[in-house]
Each structure stands twice: as structure tokens, then as C-alpha cells.
Amino acid sequence: MAKVTSKLQVTVPKALAERYRIAPGDEIEWEAAGDAIRVVPRGARPGRNLASRLRLFDQTTARQRERDRRVKPARAADRGWTREDLYRRGRAR
């Protein structure tokens, strides 16, 4: 795990630097990715051309369809009352 210094600097762990061939002096890009931060070595960004962007989109869509297929929609529990009962409650009949 890396720590952020008082100057907001971060050390890249050696194993990751070797895996992604990041060397001293190389530039990296920081990207917001939802609730996370993505660090991308410059020039290593996937999806620069249309074909690879479409391929990544298709892979992501297939993963989401698989997730949607596995998750069954939740059923509302029978509470013994309906929404209409709530609207009529407290009114003169």
C-alpha cells in the first residue's frame, strides 16, 4: 500500500512499476473512475481507436448482461395493504 506524502506525492509499488514498465521520469495520467482513481501510464491507454473502444464496450455490455441474468429481481413483500389504502387513510369515507 502506498502513502500520500505531505506534498501529495505517491510512490508506485515496485511490482506494479515493473509489471506496467513504469520507469523514473515516465509520465502517468490520473483519471476519475466513479468512486475510484485510475492511474494510467502515458501511451498505454486502451481505447484510443474506434475498433478497440467498440471491443471494450462490447465486453462491458456482455459482462453486464451476464450480471443481470444472474440477479433475480426482488419481489415486493405482501404487507396486507395497498398504496391506495394509504391515500384513503385518515379521510372521511
N, C-alpha and C. Protein backbone atom coordinates (compact mmCIF):
# COMPACT_ATOMS: atom_id res chain seq x y z
N MET A 1 0.85 -1.17 0.00
CA MET A 1 0.00 0.00 0.00
C MET A 1 0.90 1.23 0.00
N ALA A 2 0.54 2.20 -0.82
CA ALA A 2 1.32 3.43 -0.91
C ALA A 2 0.69 4.50 -0.04
N LYS A 3 1.52 5.44 0.43
CA LYS A 3 1.02 6.56 1.22
C LYS A 3 1.20 7.83 0.42
N VAL A 4 0.34 8.79 0.69
CA VAL A 4 0.44 10.11 0.08
C VAL A 4 1.28 10.97 1.01
N THR A 5 2.31 11.64 0.47
CA THR A 5 3.17 12.48 1.29
C THR A 5 2.52 13.83 1.53
N SER A 6 3.15 14.64 2.35
CA SER A 6 2.63 15.99 2.64
C SER A 6 2.62 16.85 1.38
N LYS A 7 3.42 16.50 0.39
CA LYS A 7 3.44 17.23 -0.88
C LYS A 7 2.51 16.59 -1.92
N LEU A 8 1.63 15.68 -1.45
CA LEU A 8 0.67 14.96 -2.30
C LEU A 8 1.36 14.12 -3.36
N GLN A 9 2.49 13.54 -3.01
CA GLN A 9 3.20 12.64 -3.91
C GLN A 9 2.91 11.21 -3.51
N VAL A 10 2.90 10.31 -4.51
CA VAL A 10 2.62 8.90 -4.27
C VAL A 10 3.72 8.07 -4.90
N THR A 11 4.15 7.03 -4.20
CA THR A 11 5.15 6.11 -4.75
C THR A 11 4.43 4.93 -5.39
N VAL A 12 4.81 4.62 -6.61
CA VAL A 12 4.24 3.46 -7.30
C VAL A 12 4.94 2.21 -6.77
N PRO A 13 4.18 1.23 -6.30
CA PRO A 13 4.81 0.00 -5.80
C PRO A 13 5.67 -0.65 -6.89
N LYS A 14 6.80 -1.19 -6.47
CA LYS A 14 7.77 -1.74 -7.40
C LYS A 14 7.17 -2.82 -8.30
N ALA A 15 6.37 -3.70 -7.74
CA ALA A 15 5.78 -4.79 -8.53
C ALA A 15 4.91 -4.23 -9.66
N LEU A 16 4.13 -3.18 -9.37
CA LEU A 16 3.29 -2.58 -10.41
C LEU A 16 4.13 -1.82 -11.43
N ALA A 17 5.16 -1.13 -10.96
CA ALA A 17 6.02 -0.39 -11.88
C ALA A 17 6.69 -1.35 -12.87
N GLU A 18 7.14 -2.49 -12.36
CA GLU A 18 7.77 -3.48 -13.24
C GLU A 18 6.75 -4.09 -14.19
N ARG A 19 5.58 -4.41 -13.67
CA ARG A 19 4.54 -5.04 -14.50
C ARG A 19 4.11 -4.15 -15.66
N TYR A 20 3.96 -2.86 -15.37
CA TYR A 20 3.50 -1.92 -16.41
C TYR A 20 4.63 -1.10 -17.01
N ARG A 21 5.86 -1.50 -16.73
CA ARG A 21 7.05 -0.87 -17.30
C ARG A 21 7.07 0.64 -17.08
N ILE A 22 6.83 1.03 -15.83
CA ILE A 22 6.90 2.45 -15.46
C ILE A 22 8.29 2.69 -14.88
N ALA A 23 8.99 3.65 -15.44
CA ALA A 23 10.35 3.96 -15.01
C ALA A 23 10.41 5.40 -14.49
N PRO A 24 11.44 5.72 -13.71
CA PRO A 24 11.58 7.10 -13.24
C PRO A 24 11.59 8.08 -14.42
N GLY A 25 10.81 9.13 -14.29
CA GLY A 25 10.72 10.13 -15.36
C GLY A 25 9.54 9.90 -16.30
N ASP A 26 8.94 8.72 -16.25
CA ASP A 26 7.77 8.46 -17.10
C ASP A 26 6.59 9.29 -16.60
N GLU A 27 5.72 9.64 -17.52
CA GLU A 27 4.51 10.38 -17.16
C GLU A 27 3.35 9.41 -17.02
N ILE A 28 2.53 9.67 -16.01
CA ILE A 28 1.32 8.87 -15.82
C ILE A 28 0.14 9.82 -15.75
N GLU A 29 -1.03 9.30 -16.08
CA GLU A 29 -2.25 10.10 -16.05
C GLU A 29 -3.15 9.61 -14.93
N TRP A 30 -3.84 10.53 -14.27
CA TRP A 30 -4.79 10.22 -13.21
C TRP A 30 -6.18 10.48 -13.75
N GLU A 31 -7.06 9.49 -13.64
CA GLU A 31 -8.41 9.62 -14.17
C GLU A 31 -9.43 9.28 -13.09
N ALA A 32 -10.51 10.04 -13.04
CA ALA A 32 -11.61 9.70 -12.15
C ALA A 32 -12.36 8.52 -12.77
N ALA A 33 -12.65 7.52 -11.96
CA ALA A 33 -13.36 6.33 -12.44
C ALA A 33 -14.45 5.97 -11.43
N GLY A 34 -15.49 6.77 -11.41
CA GLY A 34 -16.56 6.55 -10.44
C GLY A 34 -16.08 6.91 -9.05
N ASP A 35 -16.07 5.94 -8.13
CA ASP A 35 -15.62 6.17 -6.77
C ASP A 35 -14.14 5.85 -6.60
N ALA A 36 -13.45 5.64 -7.69
CA ALA A 36 -12.04 5.26 -7.63
C ALA A 36 -11.21 6.21 -8.48
N ILE A 37 -9.90 6.09 -8.36
CA ILE A 37 -8.97 6.85 -9.19
C ILE A 37 -8.18 5.84 -10.00
N ARG A 38 -8.04 6.11 -11.26
CA ARG A 38 -7.34 5.21 -12.16
C ARG A 38 -6.03 5.85 -12.57
N VAL A 39 -4.94 5.11 -12.44
CA VAL A 39 -3.62 5.59 -12.84
C VAL A 39 -3.25 4.88 -14.13
N VAL A 40 -2.96 5.66 -15.17
CA VAL A 40 -2.69 5.08 -16.49
C VAL A 40 -1.34 5.57 -16.98
N PRO A 41 -0.40 4.65 -17.28
CA PRO A 41 0.86 5.10 -17.87
C PRO A 41 0.59 5.78 -19.20
N ARG A 42 1.23 6.89 -19.45
CA ARG A 42 1.00 7.64 -20.68
C ARG A 42 1.34 6.77 -21.89
N GLY A 43 0.46 6.78 -22.86
CA GLY A 43 0.67 5.98 -24.06
C GLY A 43 0.14 4.56 -23.94
N ALA A 44 -0.27 4.17 -22.74
CA ALA A 44 -0.76 2.81 -22.55
C ALA A 44 -2.27 2.77 -22.43
N ARG A 45 -2.93 3.88 -22.69
CA ARG A 45 -4.38 3.94 -22.55
C ARG A 45 -5.06 3.06 -23.60
N PRO A 46 -5.91 2.16 -23.15
CA PRO A 46 -6.66 1.38 -24.13
C PRO A 46 -7.76 2.23 -24.73
N GLY A 47 -8.19 1.85 -25.89
CA GLY A 47 -9.36 2.51 -26.46
C GLY A 47 -9.09 3.80 -27.20
N ARG A 48 -7.91 3.99 -27.68
CA ARG A 48 -7.62 5.21 -28.42
C ARG A 48 -8.27 5.20 -29.81
N ASN A 49 -8.39 4.02 -30.41
CA ASN A 49 -9.01 3.99 -31.73
C ASN A 49 -10.42 3.39 -31.62
N LEU A 50 -11.20 3.58 -32.64
CA LEU A 50 -12.60 3.20 -32.61
C LEU A 50 -12.78 1.68 -32.44
N ALA A 51 -11.99 0.89 -33.12
CA ALA A 51 -12.14 -0.57 -33.04
C ALA A 51 -11.93 -1.08 -31.61
N SER A 52 -10.90 -0.61 -30.95
CA SER A 52 -10.65 -1.09 -29.59
C SER A 52 -11.69 -0.54 -28.61
N ARG A 53 -12.18 0.68 -28.83
CA ARG A 53 -13.23 1.23 -27.98
C ARG A 53 -14.51 0.41 -28.11
N LEU A 54 -14.85 0.03 -29.34
CA LEU A 54 -16.05 -0.80 -29.56
C LEU A 54 -15.89 -2.18 -28.93
N ARG A 55 -14.70 -2.75 -29.03
CA ARG A 55 -14.43 -4.06 -28.43
C ARG A 55 -14.59 -3.98 -26.92
N LEU A 56 -14.03 -2.94 -26.29
CA LEU A 56 -14.18 -2.77 -24.84
C LEU A 56 -15.63 -2.56 -24.44
N PHE A 57 -16.37 -1.80 -25.24
CA PHE A 57 -17.79 -1.58 -24.97
C PHE A 57 -18.57 -2.89 -25.04
N ASP A 58 -18.30 -3.69 -26.07
CA ASP A 58 -18.98 -4.98 -26.21
C ASP A 58 -18.67 -5.91 -25.05
N GLN A 59 -17.41 -5.93 -24.59
CA GLN A 59 -17.04 -6.77 -23.45
C GLN A 59 -17.77 -6.32 -22.19
N THR A 60 -17.82 -5.03 -21.97
CA THR A 60 -18.50 -4.49 -20.80
C THR A 60 -19.99 -4.79 -20.84
N THR A 61 -20.59 -4.63 -22.00
CA THR A 61 -22.02 -4.90 -22.16
C THR A 61 -22.31 -6.38 -21.90
N ALA A 62 -21.46 -7.26 -22.39
CA ALA A 62 -21.65 -8.69 -22.17
C ALA A 62 -21.55 -9.04 -20.69
N ARG A 63 -20.58 -8.43 -19.97
CA ARG A 63 -20.46 -8.67 -18.53
C ARG A 63 -21.71 -8.19 -17.79
N GLN A 64 -22.23 -7.03 -18.19
CA GLN A 64 -23.43 -6.51 -17.51
C GLN A 64 -24.64 -7.39 -17.78
N ARG A 65 -24.79 -7.86 -19.01
CA ARG A 65 -25.90 -8.76 -19.33
C ARG A 65 -25.82 -10.04 -18.51
N GLU A 66 -24.60 -10.55 -18.32
CA GLU A 66 -24.41 -11.75 -17.52
C GLU A 66 -24.81 -11.49 -16.07
N ARG A 67 -24.41 -10.34 -15.53
CA ARG A 67 -24.80 -9.98 -14.16
C ARG A 67 -26.31 -9.86 -14.04
N ASP A 68 -26.93 -9.19 -15.01
CA ASP A 68 -28.38 -9.01 -14.98
C ASP A 68 -29.11 -10.34 -15.07
N ARG A 69 -28.55 -11.27 -15.81
CA ARG A 69 -29.17 -12.59 -15.97
C ARG A 69 -29.12 -13.37 -14.66
N ARG A 70 -28.01 -13.24 -13.91
CA ARG A 70 -27.85 -13.98 -12.66
C ARG A 70 -28.67 -13.41 -11.51
N VAL A 71 -28.87 -12.11 -11.51
CA VAL A 71 -29.58 -11.46 -10.39
C VAL A 71 -31.07 -11.48 -10.68
N LYS A 72 -31.82 -12.05 -9.75
CA LYS A 72 -33.27 -12.10 -9.92
C LYS A 72 -33.87 -10.85 -9.29
N PRO A 73 -34.86 -10.26 -9.94
CA PRO A 73 -35.46 -9.05 -9.38
C PRO A 73 -36.15 -9.35 -8.05
N ALA A 74 -36.03 -8.42 -7.12
CA ALA A 74 -36.65 -8.60 -5.81
C ALA A 74 -38.16 -8.38 -5.92
N ARG A 75 -38.92 -9.23 -5.22
CA ARG A 75 -40.37 -9.09 -5.22
C ARG A 75 -40.78 -8.31 -3.99
N ALA A 76 -41.77 -7.49 -4.16
CA ALA A 76 -42.29 -6.75 -3.01
C ALA A 76 -43.01 -7.72 -2.09
N ALA A 77 -42.79 -7.55 -0.80
CA ALA A 77 -43.44 -8.42 0.18
C ALA A 77 -44.90 -8.02 0.32
N ASP A 78 -45.75 -9.01 0.60
CA ASP A 78 -47.17 -8.73 0.80
C ASP A 78 -47.32 -8.14 2.19
N ARG A 79 -47.65 -6.88 2.25
CA ARG A 79 -47.76 -6.17 3.52
C ARG A 79 -49.18 -6.17 4.07
N GLY A 80 -50.14 -6.61 3.31
CA GLY A 80 -51.51 -6.60 3.77
C GLY A 80 -52.23 -5.29 3.51
N TRP A 81 -51.57 -4.37 2.80
CA TRP A 81 -52.20 -3.11 2.43
C TRP A 81 -51.70 -2.71 1.05
N THR A 82 -52.40 -1.81 0.43
CA THR A 82 -52.02 -1.35 -0.90
C THR A 82 -51.70 0.14 -0.84
N ARG A 83 -51.17 0.62 -1.90
CA ARG A 83 -50.86 2.04 -1.99
C ARG A 83 -52.14 2.88 -1.87
N GLU A 84 -53.19 2.41 -2.48
CA GLU A 84 -54.46 3.13 -2.42
C GLU A 84 -54.97 3.23 -0.99
N ASP A 85 -54.76 2.17 -0.18
CA ASP A 85 -55.17 2.22 1.22
C ASP A 85 -54.48 3.37 1.96
N LEU A 86 -53.25 3.64 1.61
CA LEU A 86 -52.53 4.73 2.27
C LEU A 86 -53.15 6.08 1.92
N TYR A 87 -53.56 6.25 0.69
CA TYR A 87 -54.15 7.53 0.29
C TYR A 87 -55.51 7.76 0.92
N ARG A 88 -56.24 6.68 1.17
CA ARG A 88 -57.58 6.81 1.77
C ARG A 88 -57.51 6.94 3.28
N ARG A 89 -56.41 6.57 3.87
CA ARG A 89 -56.30 6.56 5.33
C ARG A 89 -56.47 7.97 5.91
N GLY A 90 -57.27 8.08 6.93
CA GLY A 90 -57.45 9.34 7.60
C GLY A 90 -58.47 10.27 6.96
N ARG A 91 -59.05 9.88 5.85
CA ARG A 91 -60.05 10.72 5.18
C ARG A 91 -61.44 10.23 5.54
N ALA A 92 -62.37 11.14 5.46
CA ALA A 92 -63.75 10.74 5.66
C ALA A 92 -64.19 9.90 4.47
N ARG A 93 -64.94 8.88 4.70
CA ARG A 93 -65.30 7.98 3.62
C ARG A 93 -66.63 8.28 3.09
